[in-house]
Amino acid sequence: MNLIEIGHVVGARRAELGLTQTQLAHLSGLSRQTLVGLENGTLSDLGVNRVGQVMAVLGLESATPDIQARSKKRGLWMAAKTASVSYAHELAPEVLEQVLASGDVPPSFAPHLTHLLDEAPVPTIVMAVEEVAAHAHLPPRQVWRNVAKLAEALSVHRRALWA
């Protein structure tokens, strides 16, 4: 697969996930201009590590970018486990789904969400957002707004990442 084809897959997947170019650039550590060039097919070169970063954020981790491998992962479950790693009371995936769908966190799970948004790998959050949007029949963009709202309300260190 060449860079132009990868760019088309990246653009389609980004839109499917409800992310803006600015958001995806920020989440993957690229400049917006680089991402625009990738998606438009005008970028002449981009290192494999940088391509890998954006692909990993989008859940396109196989050699041939597709979402078949992604559909087999349980992002919401992985995110809930990540959020619960340091706490006696476990955050259930169903509770995390409700929190991300509504943007409201029960006070008893505020530390879990803070840990999740500060420490979890970005691809894990992306998978959780995608699953929540599908289960709750919400546009992914709305779930991303809820993530940003939660990050701000909880004053997480990485809140600028989720803005």
N, C-alpha and C. Protein backbone atom coordinates (compact mmCIF):
# COMPACT_ATOMS: atom_id res chain seq x y z
N MET A 1 0.86 -1.17 0.00
CA MET A 1 0.00 0.00 0.00
C MET A 1 0.91 1.23 0.00
N ASN A 2 0.60 2.19 -0.86
CA ASN A 2 1.43 3.39 -0.92
C ASN A 2 0.86 4.50 -0.04
N LEU A 3 1.62 5.59 0.07
CA LEU A 3 1.26 6.68 0.98
C LEU A 3 -0.07 7.34 0.60
N ILE A 4 -0.36 7.41 -0.68
CA ILE A 4 -1.64 8.00 -1.12
C ILE A 4 -2.81 7.14 -0.65
N GLU A 5 -2.68 5.82 -0.83
CA GLU A 5 -3.74 4.91 -0.38
C GLU A 5 -3.90 4.95 1.14
N ILE A 6 -2.78 5.00 1.85
CA ILE A 6 -2.83 5.09 3.31
C ILE A 6 -3.54 6.37 3.72
N GLY A 7 -3.24 7.47 3.03
CA GLY A 7 -3.88 8.74 3.33
C GLY A 7 -5.39 8.69 3.16
N HIS A 8 -5.85 8.00 2.13
CA HIS A 8 -7.30 7.87 1.91
C HIS A 8 -7.95 7.04 3.03
N VAL A 9 -7.27 5.97 3.43
CA VAL A 9 -7.79 5.13 4.52
C VAL A 9 -7.81 5.92 5.82
N VAL A 10 -6.74 6.67 6.08
CA VAL A 10 -6.65 7.49 7.30
C VAL A 10 -7.78 8.51 7.33
N GLY A 11 -8.01 9.21 6.23
CA GLY A 11 -9.07 10.22 6.18
C GLY A 11 -10.44 9.62 6.41
N ALA A 12 -10.70 8.49 5.79
CA ALA A 12 -12.01 7.84 5.95
C ALA A 12 -12.20 7.35 7.39
N ARG A 13 -11.16 6.77 7.95
CA ARG A 13 -11.26 6.25 9.32
C ARG A 13 -11.41 7.39 10.32
N ARG A 14 -10.67 8.48 10.11
CA ARG A 14 -10.77 9.66 10.99
C ARG A 14 -12.20 10.18 11.00
N ALA A 15 -12.79 10.31 9.81
CA ALA A 15 -14.17 10.79 9.71
C ALA A 15 -15.14 9.81 10.37
N GLU A 16 -14.89 8.53 10.18
CA GLU A 16 -15.74 7.50 10.79
C GLU A 16 -15.73 7.60 12.31
N LEU A 17 -14.58 7.97 12.86
CA LEU A 17 -14.44 8.10 14.31
C LEU A 17 -14.88 9.45 14.84
N GLY A 18 -15.26 10.36 13.96
CA GLY A 18 -15.75 11.67 14.39
C GLY A 18 -14.65 12.59 14.87
N LEU A 19 -13.43 12.38 14.38
CA LEU A 19 -12.31 13.23 14.77
C LEU A 19 -12.05 14.28 13.70
N THR A 20 -11.70 15.47 14.13
CA THR A 20 -11.26 16.49 13.17
C THR A 20 -9.81 16.21 12.82
N GLN A 21 -9.33 16.84 11.76
CA GLN A 21 -7.92 16.70 11.41
C GLN A 21 -7.04 17.23 12.54
N THR A 22 -7.46 18.32 13.14
CA THR A 22 -6.69 18.90 14.24
C THR A 22 -6.61 17.93 15.40
N GLN A 23 -7.73 17.30 15.75
CA GLN A 23 -7.75 16.34 16.86
C GLN A 23 -6.84 15.15 16.57
N LEU A 24 -6.97 14.58 15.38
CA LEU A 24 -6.15 13.42 15.04
C LEU A 24 -4.67 13.80 15.01
N ALA A 25 -4.36 14.94 14.46
CA ALA A 25 -2.96 15.39 14.44
C ALA A 25 -2.43 15.47 15.87
N HIS A 26 -3.21 16.05 16.73
CA HIS A 26 -2.80 16.22 18.13
C HIS A 26 -2.62 14.86 18.81
N LEU A 27 -3.59 13.97 18.63
CA LEU A 27 -3.53 12.65 19.26
C LEU A 27 -2.37 11.80 18.75
N SER A 28 -1.99 12.00 17.50
CA SER A 28 -0.94 11.16 16.92
C SER A 28 0.43 11.83 16.91
N GLY A 29 0.51 13.08 17.38
CA GLY A 29 1.79 13.75 17.46
C GLY A 29 2.28 14.31 16.14
N LEU A 30 1.40 14.48 15.18
CA LEU A 30 1.75 15.08 13.89
C LEU A 30 1.27 16.52 13.84
N SER A 31 1.79 17.28 12.93
CA SER A 31 1.23 18.61 12.71
C SER A 31 -0.04 18.45 11.87
N ARG A 32 -0.93 19.41 11.97
CA ARG A 32 -2.15 19.36 11.16
C ARG A 32 -1.80 19.40 9.68
N GLN A 33 -0.80 20.20 9.32
CA GLN A 33 -0.39 20.31 7.92
C GLN A 33 0.10 18.96 7.38
N THR A 34 0.83 18.22 8.20
CA THR A 34 1.29 16.90 7.77
C THR A 34 0.11 15.96 7.56
N LEU A 35 -0.84 15.99 8.48
CA LEU A 35 -2.01 15.13 8.35
C LEU A 35 -2.83 15.50 7.12
N VAL A 36 -3.01 16.80 6.87
CA VAL A 36 -3.74 17.24 5.67
C VAL A 36 -3.04 16.73 4.42
N GLY A 37 -1.72 16.86 4.38
CA GLY A 37 -0.96 16.37 3.23
C GLY A 37 -1.10 14.88 3.05
N LEU A 38 -1.09 14.13 4.16
CA LEU A 38 -1.27 12.68 4.09
C LEU A 38 -2.64 12.34 3.53
N GLU A 39 -3.68 12.95 4.08
CA GLU A 39 -5.04 12.64 3.63
C GLU A 39 -5.29 13.07 2.19
N ASN A 40 -4.69 14.18 1.78
CA ASN A 40 -4.91 14.69 0.42
C ASN A 40 -4.02 14.03 -0.62
N GLY A 41 -3.06 13.23 -0.18
CA GLY A 41 -2.17 12.56 -1.11
C GLY A 41 -1.09 13.47 -1.67
N THR A 42 -0.84 14.60 -1.03
CA THR A 42 0.16 15.54 -1.52
C THR A 42 1.47 15.43 -0.77
N LEU A 43 1.52 14.57 0.23
CA LEU A 43 2.72 14.39 1.03
C LEU A 43 3.67 13.47 0.26
N SER A 44 4.90 13.89 0.08
CA SER A 44 5.83 13.08 -0.70
C SER A 44 6.48 11.98 0.13
N ASP A 45 6.62 12.20 1.44
CA ASP A 45 7.26 11.20 2.28
C ASP A 45 6.81 11.39 3.72
N LEU A 46 6.70 10.29 4.42
CA LEU A 46 6.41 10.30 5.85
C LEU A 46 7.00 9.02 6.41
N GLY A 47 7.85 9.13 7.40
CA GLY A 47 8.52 7.96 7.94
C GLY A 47 7.56 6.91 8.44
N VAL A 48 8.03 5.68 8.46
CA VAL A 48 7.19 4.56 8.87
C VAL A 48 6.73 4.71 10.32
N ASN A 49 7.57 5.28 11.17
CA ASN A 49 7.16 5.47 12.56
C ASN A 49 6.02 6.46 12.67
N ARG A 50 6.06 7.51 11.89
CA ARG A 50 4.99 8.51 11.94
C ARG A 50 3.70 7.95 11.34
N VAL A 51 3.82 7.20 10.26
CA VAL A 51 2.64 6.53 9.69
C VAL A 51 2.08 5.57 10.73
N GLY A 52 2.96 4.83 11.39
CA GLY A 52 2.53 3.88 12.42
C GLY A 52 1.80 4.55 13.57
N GLN A 53 2.26 5.76 13.96
CA GLN A 53 1.61 6.48 15.06
C GLN A 53 0.16 6.78 14.71
N VAL A 54 -0.06 7.36 13.54
CA VAL A 54 -1.43 7.74 13.16
C VAL A 54 -2.29 6.50 12.94
N MET A 55 -1.69 5.45 12.38
CA MET A 55 -2.44 4.21 12.15
C MET A 55 -2.84 3.58 13.49
N ALA A 56 -1.93 3.58 14.46
CA ALA A 56 -2.24 2.99 15.76
C ALA A 56 -3.37 3.74 16.46
N VAL A 57 -3.35 5.06 16.39
CA VAL A 57 -4.42 5.85 17.01
C VAL A 57 -5.77 5.49 16.40
N LEU A 58 -5.78 5.23 15.11
CA LEU A 58 -7.03 4.92 14.41
C LEU A 58 -7.42 3.44 14.48
N GLY A 59 -6.59 2.63 15.13
CA GLY A 59 -6.90 1.20 15.21
C GLY A 59 -6.60 0.46 13.93
N LEU A 60 -5.73 1.01 13.11
CA LEU A 60 -5.33 0.39 11.85
C LEU A 60 -3.91 -0.13 12.02
N GLU A 61 -3.77 -1.20 12.80
CA GLU A 61 -2.44 -1.64 13.19
C GLU A 61 -1.85 -2.74 12.33
N SER A 62 -2.58 -3.27 11.38
CA SER A 62 -2.04 -4.34 10.56
C SER A 62 -1.22 -3.76 9.40
N ALA A 63 -0.47 -4.61 8.73
CA ALA A 63 0.37 -4.17 7.63
C ALA A 63 -0.49 -3.56 6.52
N THR A 64 -1.63 -4.15 6.28
CA THR A 64 -2.58 -3.58 5.33
C THR A 64 -3.66 -2.91 6.15
N PRO A 65 -3.77 -1.58 6.08
CA PRO A 65 -4.72 -0.89 6.94
C PRO A 65 -6.17 -1.32 6.69
N ASP A 66 -6.77 -1.86 7.69
CA ASP A 66 -8.20 -2.16 7.65
C ASP A 66 -8.71 -2.21 9.08
N ILE A 67 -10.01 -2.27 9.23
CA ILE A 67 -10.55 -2.28 10.58
C ILE A 67 -11.01 -3.67 11.01
N GLN A 68 -10.72 -4.69 10.23
CA GLN A 68 -11.13 -6.05 10.59
C GLN A 68 -10.45 -6.49 11.89
N ALA A 69 -9.14 -6.23 11.99
CA ALA A 69 -8.43 -6.61 13.22
C ALA A 69 -8.96 -5.81 14.40
N ARG A 70 -9.29 -4.56 14.19
CA ARG A 70 -9.80 -3.68 15.25
C ARG A 70 -11.12 -4.19 15.80
N SER A 71 -11.98 -4.69 14.93
CA SER A 71 -13.31 -5.11 15.38
C SER A 71 -13.24 -6.29 16.35
N LYS A 72 -12.12 -7.00 16.40
CA LYS A 72 -11.97 -8.13 17.31
C LYS A 72 -11.50 -7.71 18.69
N LYS A 73 -11.06 -6.46 18.83
CA LYS A 73 -10.58 -5.98 20.13
C LYS A 73 -11.75 -5.43 20.93
N ARG A 74 -11.61 -5.46 22.24
CA ARG A 74 -12.65 -4.95 23.13
C ARG A 74 -12.12 -3.69 23.80
N GLY A 75 -12.22 -2.58 23.10
CA GLY A 75 -11.66 -1.33 23.58
C GLY A 75 -12.28 -0.82 24.86
N LEU A 76 -13.59 -0.93 24.98
CA LEU A 76 -14.27 -0.44 26.18
C LEU A 76 -13.84 -1.27 27.40
N TRP A 77 -13.76 -2.56 27.22
CA TRP A 77 -13.30 -3.44 28.30
C TRP A 77 -11.85 -3.11 28.67
N MET A 78 -10.99 -2.92 27.65
CA MET A 78 -9.59 -2.59 27.92
C MET A 78 -9.47 -1.25 28.64
N ALA A 79 -10.27 -0.28 28.24
CA ALA A 79 -10.24 1.04 28.90
C ALA A 79 -10.70 0.92 30.35
N ALA A 80 -11.75 0.15 30.60
CA ALA A 80 -12.25 -0.02 31.97
C ALA A 80 -11.20 -0.71 32.84
N LYS A 81 -10.53 -1.71 32.30
CA LYS A 81 -9.47 -2.39 33.05
C LYS A 81 -8.31 -1.44 33.34
N THR A 82 -7.94 -0.64 32.35
CA THR A 82 -6.87 0.34 32.53
C THR A 82 -7.23 1.34 33.62
N ALA A 83 -8.48 1.79 33.62
CA ALA A 83 -8.93 2.77 34.60
C ALA A 83 -8.94 2.20 36.01
N SER A 84 -9.09 0.89 36.13
CA SER A 84 -9.26 0.25 37.43
C SER A 84 -7.98 -0.31 38.02
N VAL A 85 -6.88 -0.21 37.31
CA VAL A 85 -5.67 -0.91 37.69
C VAL A 85 -5.18 -0.58 39.11
N SER A 86 -5.39 0.62 39.57
CA SER A 86 -4.87 1.03 40.89
C SER A 86 -5.93 1.11 41.97
N TYR A 87 -7.13 0.64 41.71
CA TYR A 87 -8.23 0.86 42.64
C TYR A 87 -8.88 -0.45 43.06
N ALA A 88 -9.36 -0.47 44.32
CA ALA A 88 -10.01 -1.67 44.86
C ALA A 88 -11.34 -1.95 44.16
N HIS A 89 -12.11 -0.90 43.90
CA HIS A 89 -13.39 -1.06 43.22
C HIS A 89 -13.19 -0.91 41.73
N GLU A 90 -13.61 -1.91 41.00
CA GLU A 90 -13.40 -1.93 39.56
C GLU A 90 -14.48 -1.15 38.84
N LEU A 91 -14.06 -0.39 37.83
CA LEU A 91 -14.98 0.33 36.95
C LEU A 91 -15.45 -0.65 35.88
N ALA A 92 -16.73 -0.95 35.87
CA ALA A 92 -17.28 -1.89 34.89
C ALA A 92 -17.35 -1.22 33.52
N PRO A 93 -17.15 -2.00 32.45
CA PRO A 93 -17.26 -1.42 31.10
C PRO A 93 -18.60 -0.72 30.87
N GLU A 94 -19.68 -1.27 31.46
CA GLU A 94 -21.00 -0.66 31.28
C GLU A 94 -21.08 0.72 31.93
N VAL A 95 -20.42 0.86 33.07
CA VAL A 95 -20.41 2.17 33.74
C VAL A 95 -19.56 3.14 32.94
N LEU A 96 -18.41 2.68 32.46
CA LEU A 96 -17.57 3.55 31.63
C LEU A 96 -18.31 3.98 30.38
N GLU A 97 -19.05 3.06 29.79
CA GLU A 97 -19.85 3.40 28.60
C GLU A 97 -20.84 4.51 28.92
N GLN A 98 -21.52 4.41 30.04
CA GLN A 98 -22.49 5.44 30.44
C GLN A 98 -21.81 6.77 30.69
N VAL A 99 -20.65 6.73 31.33
CA VAL A 99 -19.89 7.96 31.61
C VAL A 99 -19.49 8.65 30.31
N LEU A 100 -18.94 7.89 29.37
CA LEU A 100 -18.50 8.48 28.11
C LEU A 100 -19.67 8.93 27.25
N ALA A 101 -20.78 8.23 27.34
CA ALA A 101 -21.97 8.62 26.56
C ALA A 101 -22.64 9.87 27.11
N SER A 102 -22.57 10.05 28.43
CA SER A 102 -23.26 11.18 29.06
C SER A 102 -22.35 12.36 29.38
N GLY A 103 -21.08 12.07 29.61
CA GLY A 103 -20.16 13.13 30.04
C GLY A 103 -20.22 13.40 31.53
N ASP A 104 -20.97 12.58 32.25
CA ASP A 104 -21.11 12.73 33.70
C ASP A 104 -20.49 11.52 34.40
N VAL A 105 -19.66 11.79 35.39
CA VAL A 105 -18.99 10.70 36.10
C VAL A 105 -19.48 10.63 37.54
N PRO A 106 -19.87 9.45 38.00
CA PRO A 106 -20.23 9.31 39.41
C PRO A 106 -19.00 9.65 40.26
N PRO A 107 -19.17 10.41 41.33
CA PRO A 107 -18.02 10.81 42.14
C PRO A 107 -17.12 9.65 42.57
N SER A 108 -17.69 8.50 42.83
CA SER A 108 -16.88 7.37 43.28
C SER A 108 -15.92 6.85 42.19
N PHE A 109 -16.20 7.20 40.94
CA PHE A 109 -15.33 6.75 39.84
C PHE A 109 -14.50 7.87 39.23
N ALA A 110 -14.53 9.05 39.84
CA ALA A 110 -13.72 10.17 39.33
C ALA A 110 -12.23 9.82 39.28
N PRO A 111 -11.67 9.16 40.32
CA PRO A 111 -10.25 8.80 40.23
C PRO A 111 -9.95 7.84 39.08
N HIS A 112 -10.88 6.93 38.81
CA HIS A 112 -10.70 5.98 37.71
C HIS A 112 -10.61 6.72 36.37
N LEU A 113 -11.54 7.66 36.18
CA LEU A 113 -11.56 8.41 34.92
C LEU A 113 -10.34 9.30 34.79
N THR A 114 -9.91 9.88 35.91
CA THR A 114 -8.71 10.71 35.88
C THR A 114 -7.52 9.87 35.45
N HIS A 115 -7.38 8.70 36.04
CA HIS A 115 -6.29 7.79 35.68
C HIS A 115 -6.38 7.40 34.20
N LEU A 116 -7.57 7.06 33.75
CA LEU A 116 -7.77 6.65 32.36
C LEU A 116 -7.32 7.75 31.40
N LEU A 117 -7.81 8.96 31.61
CA LEU A 117 -7.52 10.05 30.69
C LEU A 117 -6.09 10.56 30.79
N ASP A 118 -5.44 10.32 31.92
CA ASP A 118 -4.05 10.74 32.08
C ASP A 118 -3.05 9.67 31.66
N GLU A 119 -3.41 8.40 31.78
CA GLU A 119 -2.41 7.34 31.63
C GLU A 119 -2.66 6.35 30.50
N ALA A 120 -3.89 6.16 30.08
CA ALA A 120 -4.19 5.13 29.08
C ALA A 120 -3.58 5.47 27.72
N PRO A 121 -3.16 4.46 26.99
CA PRO A 121 -2.69 4.72 25.63
C PRO A 121 -3.83 5.32 24.79
N VAL A 122 -3.47 6.27 23.95
CA VAL A 122 -4.48 6.95 23.12
C VAL A 122 -5.30 5.95 22.30
N PRO A 123 -4.69 4.94 21.66
CA PRO A 123 -5.52 4.00 20.89
C PRO A 123 -6.59 3.30 21.73
N THR A 124 -6.33 3.08 23.01
CA THR A 124 -7.34 2.47 23.89
C THR A 124 -8.54 3.39 24.05
N ILE A 125 -8.28 4.67 24.25
CA ILE A 125 -9.38 5.65 24.37
C ILE A 125 -10.16 5.74 23.06
N VAL A 126 -9.45 5.73 21.95
CA VAL A 126 -10.12 5.81 20.64
C VAL A 126 -11.05 4.61 20.47
N MET A 127 -10.57 3.42 20.82
CA MET A 127 -11.42 2.22 20.70
C MET A 127 -12.65 2.33 21.60
N ALA A 128 -12.45 2.82 22.82
CA ALA A 128 -13.58 2.96 23.75
C ALA A 128 -14.60 3.94 23.21
N VAL A 129 -14.14 5.07 22.69
CA VAL A 129 -15.06 6.08 22.12
C VAL A 129 -15.85 5.48 20.97
N GLU A 130 -15.16 4.74 20.13
CA GLU A 130 -15.83 4.12 18.97
C GLU A 130 -16.92 3.15 19.43
N GLU A 131 -16.62 2.33 20.41
CA GLU A 131 -17.61 1.37 20.90
C GLU A 131 -18.78 2.06 21.57
N VAL A 132 -18.50 3.08 22.37
CA VAL A 132 -19.58 3.81 23.04
C VAL A 132 -20.49 4.45 22.00
N ALA A 133 -19.92 5.07 21.00
CA ALA A 133 -20.73 5.72 19.97
C ALA A 133 -21.63 4.70 19.28
N ALA A 134 -21.09 3.54 18.98
CA ALA A 134 -21.89 2.50 18.31
C ALA A 134 -22.99 1.96 19.22
N HIS A 135 -22.64 1.66 20.48
CA HIS A 135 -23.63 1.09 21.40
C HIS A 135 -24.72 2.09 21.77
N ALA A 136 -24.34 3.35 21.95
CA ALA A 136 -25.30 4.37 22.40
C ALA A 136 -25.98 5.08 21.23
N HIS A 137 -25.63 4.69 20.02
CA HIS A 137 -26.20 5.31 18.82
C HIS A 137 -25.98 6.83 18.84
N LEU A 138 -24.76 7.21 19.16
CA LEU A 138 -24.37 8.62 19.20
C LEU A 138 -23.33 8.85 18.12
N PRO A 139 -23.27 10.06 17.59
CA PRO A 139 -22.16 10.35 16.69
C PRO A 139 -20.85 10.36 17.49
N PRO A 140 -19.79 9.80 16.97
CA PRO A 140 -18.52 9.79 17.71
C PRO A 140 -18.09 11.18 18.17
N ARG A 141 -18.40 12.19 17.39
CA ARG A 141 -18.02 13.55 17.76
C ARG A 141 -18.63 13.94 19.11
N GLN A 142 -19.85 13.49 19.38
CA GLN A 142 -20.49 13.79 20.67
C GLN A 142 -19.74 13.11 21.82
N VAL A 143 -19.30 11.89 21.60
CA VAL A 143 -18.55 11.19 22.64
C VAL A 143 -17.21 11.89 22.87
N TRP A 144 -16.58 12.35 21.80
CA TRP A 144 -15.32 13.10 21.96
C TRP A 144 -15.54 14.38 22.76
N ARG A 145 -16.66 15.05 22.51
CA ARG A 145 -16.97 16.25 23.31
C ARG A 145 -17.12 15.89 24.79
N ASN A 146 -17.73 14.74 25.06
CA ASN A 146 -17.87 14.29 26.44
C ASN A 146 -16.51 13.97 27.06
N VAL A 147 -15.62 13.38 26.29
CA VAL A 147 -14.27 13.10 26.80
C VAL A 147 -13.58 14.41 27.16
N ALA A 148 -13.69 15.41 26.29
CA ALA A 148 -13.08 16.71 26.57
C ALA A 148 -13.70 17.35 27.81
N LYS A 149 -15.02 17.22 27.94
CA LYS A 149 -15.72 17.77 29.11
C LYS A 149 -15.24 17.09 30.39
N LEU A 150 -15.11 15.77 30.35
CA LEU A 150 -14.63 15.02 31.51
C LEU A 150 -13.20 15.42 31.86
N ALA A 151 -12.36 15.53 30.86
CA ALA A 151 -10.96 15.89 31.11
C ALA A 151 -10.86 17.26 31.77
N GLU A 152 -11.68 18.17 31.33
CA GLU A 152 -11.68 19.52 31.91
C GLU A 152 -12.24 19.48 33.33
N ALA A 153 -13.36 18.81 33.52
CA ALA A 153 -14.00 18.76 34.84
C ALA A 153 -13.11 18.06 35.88
N LEU A 154 -12.35 17.07 35.44
CA LEU A 154 -11.49 16.32 36.34
C LEU A 154 -10.09 16.92 36.45
N SER A 155 -9.82 17.96 35.69
CA SER A 155 -8.53 18.63 35.66
C SER A 155 -7.37 17.65 35.43
N VAL A 156 -7.56 16.75 34.47
CA VAL A 156 -6.50 15.78 34.17
C VAL A 156 -5.30 16.49 33.56
N HIS A 157 -4.14 15.93 33.76
CA HIS A 157 -2.91 16.53 33.25
C HIS A 157 -2.91 16.59 31.72
N ARG A 158 -3.49 15.57 31.07
CA ARG A 158 -3.50 15.54 29.61
C ARG A 158 -4.77 16.16 29.02
N ARG A 159 -5.42 17.08 29.76
CA ARG A 159 -6.69 17.60 29.27
C ARG A 159 -6.55 18.31 27.93
N ALA A 160 -5.42 18.93 27.66
CA ALA A 160 -5.22 19.59 26.36
C ALA A 160 -5.23 18.57 25.22
N LEU A 161 -4.82 17.35 25.52
CA LEU A 161 -4.84 16.29 24.50
C LEU A 161 -6.26 15.97 24.08
N TRP A 162 -7.19 16.02 25.01
CA TRP A 162 -8.57 15.63 24.74
C TRP A 162 -9.45 16.81 24.33
N ALA A 163 -8.92 18.02 24.36
CA ALA A 163 -9.72 19.21 24.02
C ALA A 163 -10.12 19.23 22.56
